[in-house]
Structure formats: structure tokens, C-alpha cells
Amino acid sequence: MSRWLVAMSLAAGMVIGAGAAWFWFNHQQRQQSDSDLHTLELALNESRAALEQAHAQIDTMQGRLVVEESTRNGLEASLLASQAELGLARDKLAFFDQLMPPGPAGSVSIRALDIEPQGPILQYRVLLMRNGSDETPFKGLMQFVAKGNQQGRAVTVTLQAAQLPDSPSTAGNDAAINGFELNFDQFQRGGGFLSLPQGFTPQTVTLNVLEGNTVRVSRTVNLSAAN
């Protein structure tokens, strides 16, 4: 009987020990699983953050590409418009060449000249063209000579550029005294304002284009007829 009790005690101890061992092993497994799961969650969160950052960078790059594409399209449109305008200007020049036969190659002509009184000054617009082709640019001067009345007398004066209040003085400048400098290959368009002497009423203004001391071409505008 005592042996049977001992055997039962030993069997019960073994069962209890095995159960305790199983519970301890299962607890360790759960702890390890929880630790692994936490590590995986951290890695997943890091991956999500990196993915969101990558998406943000892609959105930024796409926005820059859209801006650059828009800028490129704008520049291309501006270039096409400039080319079209240049082609139209060339067509107009060719048309004017047909209407106004050119002179000898290299000679300068006044294709357009407009002079209008603007209060105490004159506003001018001029288009000069050079006929034919020449490797050497034309260098010369524009000179505006006005005829009119001043204190009841007929007077002829050489007009100078009108000076704005904030503009530096051109006194002592030979170009300002003798005329307006020219330096162009095929054509030159210009405009500006001319000052009038006090009490002087202009009737005509003649534009002389000089090369050195030689007048190459002239044109006169009758201001009294316009008035």
C-alpha cells in the first residue's frame, strides 16, 4: 500500500512538474512572440514613414516638373511669337523694298520719318535702312535742322536732344553737339525728343544723315502743314 502511495505521489509530481514546465515554456513563447510582434510593428511603422516621405518627395518633384514644363512651354510660345513677328517684319521690309526701289549697294535711305510737336519739344521717330549687303557697318550721325521764326525773324537752328530733369548734362559731348550717333548694318529704328530754343516756332525740320562731313541722305517734314 505504501509503495502504491509513493508511486501515485511520484506520478502526481511528474504530472504537476510537466504541467508547470509546459506553462513556463508556453509563457516564454508568448513573451518571445510579443517581442517579435513589437519589433515587426516598429519595422512596419518605419517602412510606412519612409514610404510617406518617398511619396512626398515624388509629389514635390512632380510639382517642379509641372512648373518647369509650364515655363518651357511659355518660353517656346514666346520664341514662336518672336519668330513670327520677325518673319512678319521681314515680309514688310521686302514689301517696302518693292515699293521703294533701293539705291546703290551700301547706300543709306530714310524709309520713315515722323516728327510731331509735343508742347515745348518735338517727338521724332525714324527708320533708316541700308541697301544691299556690306560687311562694314555704317557709322555716321543724324542731324536735325529746324527752320522757323524767333522774335519775328527767320531762324535756322540745329536741334539737340531734350534733357529730362534727372538726366546728366551732355555739355561738352561732341556727339550731343553735332548730332545723334549711328552704327548699324542693315536697318536702325530710333525715336526720342528734341528740345526747341525759347521763343522759337519751328516750321520745317530736316533730318540729315551724315557720314563724316558728307550728307548721305536728307528728308524734310513740314510742321506748319501739320498744324
Protein backbone atom coordinates (compact mmCIF):
# COMPACT_ATOMS: atom_id res chain seq x y z
CA MET A 1 0.00 0.00 0.00
CA SER A 2 2.79 2.37 0.89
CA ARG A 3 4.52 1.57 -2.40
CA TRP A 4 1.35 2.35 -4.26
CA LEU A 5 1.06 5.70 -2.49
CA VAL A 6 4.65 6.51 -3.26
CA ALA A 7 4.12 5.60 -6.89
CA MET A 8 0.99 7.73 -7.03
CA SER A 9 2.85 10.60 -5.40
CA LEU A 10 5.67 10.31 -7.87
CA ALA A 11 3.22 10.16 -10.79
CA ALA A 12 1.34 13.18 -9.47
CA GLY A 13 4.63 15.04 -9.02
CA MET A 14 5.65 14.23 -12.55
CA VAL A 15 2.30 15.40 -13.92
CA ILE A 16 2.46 18.61 -11.90
CA GLY A 17 6.09 19.16 -12.99
CA ALA A 18 5.24 18.50 -16.62
CA GLY A 19 2.29 20.90 -16.40
CA ALA A 20 4.43 23.57 -14.77
CA ALA A 21 7.10 23.08 -17.39
CA TRP A 22 4.51 23.35 -20.15
CA PHE A 23 3.05 26.52 -18.67
CA TRP A 24 6.56 28.05 -18.25
CA PHE A 25 7.53 27.14 -21.82
CA ASN A 26 4.24 28.50 -23.19
CA HIS A 27 4.74 31.74 -21.22
CA GLN A 28 8.25 32.15 -22.65
CA GLN A 29 6.91 31.51 -26.14
CA ARG A 30 4.22 34.16 -25.69
CA GLN A 31 6.78 36.67 -24.43
CA GLN A 32 9.05 35.94 -27.39
CA SER A 33 6.11 36.23 -29.78
CA ASP A 34 5.07 39.56 -28.24
CA SER A 35 8.64 40.84 -28.55
CA ASP A 36 8.86 39.72 -32.19
CA LEU A 37 5.46 41.26 -32.92
CA HIS A 38 6.54 44.57 -31.36
CA THR A 39 9.74 44.53 -33.43
CA LEU A 40 7.74 43.83 -36.57
CA GLU A 41 5.34 46.68 -35.76
CA LEU A 42 8.26 49.08 -35.29
CA ALA A 43 9.77 47.98 -38.61
CA LEU A 44 6.37 48.34 -40.31
CA ASN A 45 5.91 51.86 -38.90
CA GLU A 46 9.40 52.83 -40.09
CA SER A 47 8.62 51.43 -43.56
CA ARG A 48 5.35 53.36 -43.69
CA ALA A 49 7.12 56.59 -42.67
CA ALA A 50 9.79 56.04 -45.34
CA LEU A 51 7.08 55.32 -47.91
CA GLU A 52 5.19 58.51 -47.00
CA GLN A 53 8.43 60.51 -47.25
CA ALA A 54 9.10 58.96 -50.66
CA HIS A 55 5.57 59.87 -51.80
CA ALA A 56 6.09 63.44 -50.56
CA GLN A 57 9.36 63.69 -52.49
CA ILE A 58 7.67 62.32 -55.61
CA ASP A 59 4.87 64.90 -55.26
CA THR A 60 7.44 67.68 -54.89
CA MET A 61 9.36 66.50 -57.94
CA GLN A 62 6.15 66.23 -59.95
CA GLY A 63 5.23 69.77 -58.93
CA ARG A 64 8.64 71.02 -60.05
CA LEU A 65 8.28 69.15 -63.33
CA VAL A 66 4.88 70.79 -63.90
CA VAL A 67 6.36 74.25 -63.23
CA GLU A 68 9.36 73.57 -65.46
CA GLU A 69 7.09 72.21 -68.20
CA SER A 70 4.89 75.30 -67.96
CA THR A 71 7.94 77.58 -68.08
CA ARG A 72 9.34 75.70 -71.07
CA ASN A 73 6.01 75.90 -72.88
CA GLY A 74 5.85 79.63 -72.16
CA LEU A 75 9.37 80.16 -73.49
CA GLU A 76 8.61 78.10 -76.59
CA ALA A 77 5.43 80.11 -77.21
CA SER A 78 7.34 83.37 -76.73
CA LEU A 79 10.06 82.18 -79.12
CA LEU A 80 7.48 81.17 -81.74
CA ALA A 81 5.74 84.54 -81.38
CA SER A 82 9.08 86.36 -81.74
CA GLN A 83 9.95 84.31 -84.81
CA ALA A 84 6.53 85.02 -86.30
CA GLU A 85 6.92 88.74 -85.57
CA LEU A 86 10.39 88.72 -87.09
CA GLY A 87 9.09 86.94 -90.19
CA LEU A 88 6.28 89.48 -90.50
CA ALA A 89 8.76 92.33 -90.16
CA ARG A 90 10.93 90.79 -92.87
CA ASP A 91 7.89 90.45 -95.12
CA LYS A 92 7.02 94.10 -94.54
CA LEU A 93 10.58 95.16 -95.31
CA ALA A 94 10.53 93.12 -98.50
CA PHE A 95 7.22 94.75 -99.45
CA PHE A 96 8.63 98.22 -98.78
CA ASP A 97 11.70 97.33 -100.80
CA GLN A 98 9.43 96.60 -103.75
CA LEU A 99 7.56 99.89 -103.29
CA MET A 100 10.74 101.91 -102.87
CA PRO A 101 13.47 100.62 -105.18
CA PRO A 102 16.83 100.55 -103.41
CA GLY A 103 19.75 102.67 -104.43
CA PRO A 104 23.36 101.57 -104.84
CA ALA A 105 24.59 98.80 -102.58
CA GLY A 106 25.61 100.14 -99.19
CA SER A 107 23.74 103.43 -99.53
CA VAL A 108 21.54 104.63 -96.66
CA SER A 109 17.92 105.68 -97.06
CA ILE A 110 15.34 107.22 -94.73
CA ARG A 111 12.40 104.85 -95.01
CA ALA A 112 10.18 106.51 -92.41
CA LEU A 113 10.31 109.82 -90.53
CA ASP A 114 7.66 111.27 -88.24
CA ILE A 115 8.07 114.48 -86.21
CA GLU A 116 5.28 115.83 -84.03
CA PRO A 117 5.18 118.82 -81.66
CA GLN A 118 4.69 117.85 -78.03
CA GLY A 119 4.32 121.16 -76.23
CA PRO A 120 7.73 122.82 -75.93
CA ILE A 121 9.56 119.86 -77.52
CA LEU A 122 9.38 117.70 -80.65
CA GLN A 123 8.97 113.94 -80.72
CA TYR A 124 10.61 112.06 -83.59
CA ARG A 125 10.51 108.50 -84.92
CA VAL A 126 12.77 107.36 -87.72
CA LEU A 127 13.60 104.19 -89.65
CA LEU A 128 16.87 104.04 -91.55
CA MET A 129 17.77 101.25 -93.96
CA ARG A 130 20.89 100.26 -95.78
CA ASN A 131 20.52 98.93 -99.30
CA GLY A 132 22.29 95.74 -100.28
CA SER A 133 24.82 93.98 -98.08
CA ASP A 134 28.07 95.32 -96.78
CA GLU A 135 30.45 93.77 -94.29
CA THR A 136 31.35 97.16 -92.79
CA PRO A 137 28.70 98.77 -90.55
CA PHE A 138 27.52 102.26 -91.41
CA LYS A 139 28.83 104.81 -88.92
CA GLY A 140 27.62 108.36 -89.01
CA LEU A 141 25.36 110.94 -87.42
CA MET A 142 21.74 112.04 -87.54
CA GLN A 143 21.35 115.81 -87.54
CA PHE A 144 18.04 117.61 -87.12
CA VAL A 145 17.92 121.13 -88.59
CA ALA A 146 14.81 123.25 -87.99
CA LYS A 147 13.69 126.41 -89.78
CA GLY A 148 11.17 128.74 -88.20
CA ASN A 149 10.54 132.09 -86.55
CA GLN A 150 12.04 133.53 -83.40
CA GLN A 151 11.13 137.05 -82.28
CA GLY A 152 9.82 137.87 -85.75
CA ARG A 153 12.95 136.71 -87.58
CA ALA A 154 13.52 133.67 -89.79
CA VAL A 155 15.96 131.40 -87.96
CA THR A 156 17.68 128.08 -88.73
CA VAL A 157 18.84 126.04 -85.73
CA THR A 158 20.34 122.60 -85.16
CA LEU A 159 18.19 120.78 -82.63
CA GLN A 160 19.58 118.82 -79.70
CA ALA A 161 18.11 116.02 -77.61
CA ALA A 162 15.66 117.16 -74.97
CA GLN A 163 17.10 116.73 -71.49
CA LEU A 164 14.97 115.35 -68.69
CA PRO A 165 15.34 116.96 -65.25
CA ASP A 166 17.18 113.92 -63.82
CA SER A 167 19.32 113.29 -66.90
CA PRO A 168 23.06 114.08 -66.75
CA SER A 169 24.16 117.07 -68.75
CA THR A 170 25.69 116.39 -72.18
CA ALA A 171 27.57 119.66 -72.32
CA GLY A 172 30.97 119.18 -73.91
CA ASN A 173 29.91 115.99 -75.69
CA ASP A 174 30.70 116.33 -79.41
CA ALA A 175 28.07 113.73 -80.33
CA ALA A 176 25.39 115.71 -78.49
CA ILE A 177 26.52 118.95 -80.21
CA ASN A 178 26.94 117.64 -83.75
CA GLY A 179 24.15 115.04 -83.90
CA PHE A 180 22.99 111.58 -82.89
CA GLU A 181 25.45 108.75 -83.47
CA LEU A 182 24.59 105.92 -85.89
CA ASN A 183 26.13 102.47 -86.11
CA PHE A 184 24.16 99.72 -87.86
CA ASP A 185 24.38 97.02 -90.54
CA GLN A 186 21.00 96.80 -92.31
CA PHE A 187 18.48 98.98 -90.53
CA GLN A 188 18.13 101.13 -87.45
CA ARG A 189 14.94 102.33 -85.84
CA GLY A 190 15.01 105.10 -83.28
CA GLY A 191 12.98 107.76 -81.57
CA GLY A 192 13.22 110.45 -78.96
CA PHE A 193 12.60 114.07 -78.17
CA LEU A 194 14.18 117.27 -79.47
CA SER A 195 14.40 120.49 -77.50
CA LEU A 196 13.39 123.84 -79.01
CA PRO A 197 15.05 127.19 -78.26
CA GLN A 198 12.95 129.52 -76.16
CA GLY A 199 10.55 131.53 -78.27
CA PHE A 200 11.31 129.51 -81.41
CA THR A 201 8.40 128.29 -83.56
CA PRO A 202 9.51 125.57 -86.00
CA GLN A 203 8.01 125.36 -89.48
CA THR A 204 10.11 122.59 -91.00
CA VAL A 205 12.58 120.04 -89.66
CA THR A 206 15.14 118.40 -91.91
CA LEU A 207 16.87 115.16 -90.97
CA ASN A 208 20.37 114.88 -92.40
CA VAL A 209 22.25 111.58 -92.26
CA LEU A 210 25.95 112.33 -92.35
CA GLU A 211 28.94 110.11 -92.92
CA GLY A 212 31.86 112.16 -91.77
CA ASN A 213 31.15 115.64 -93.11
CA THR A 214 29.17 114.35 -96.10
CA VAL A 215 25.37 114.36 -96.12
CA ARG A 216 24.30 110.95 -97.48
CA VAL A 217 20.54 111.46 -97.38
CA SER A 218 18.02 114.07 -96.15
CA ARG A 219 14.30 114.35 -95.59
CA THR A 220 12.20 117.35 -94.54
CA VAL A 221 8.99 117.34 -92.51
CA ASN A 222 6.67 120.35 -92.84
CA LEU A 223 5.33 121.12 -89.35
CA SER A 224 3.29 124.15 -90.37
CA ALA A 225 1.26 122.00 -92.79
CA ALA A 226 0.53 119.53 -89.97
CA ASN A 227 -0.64 122.36 -87.72
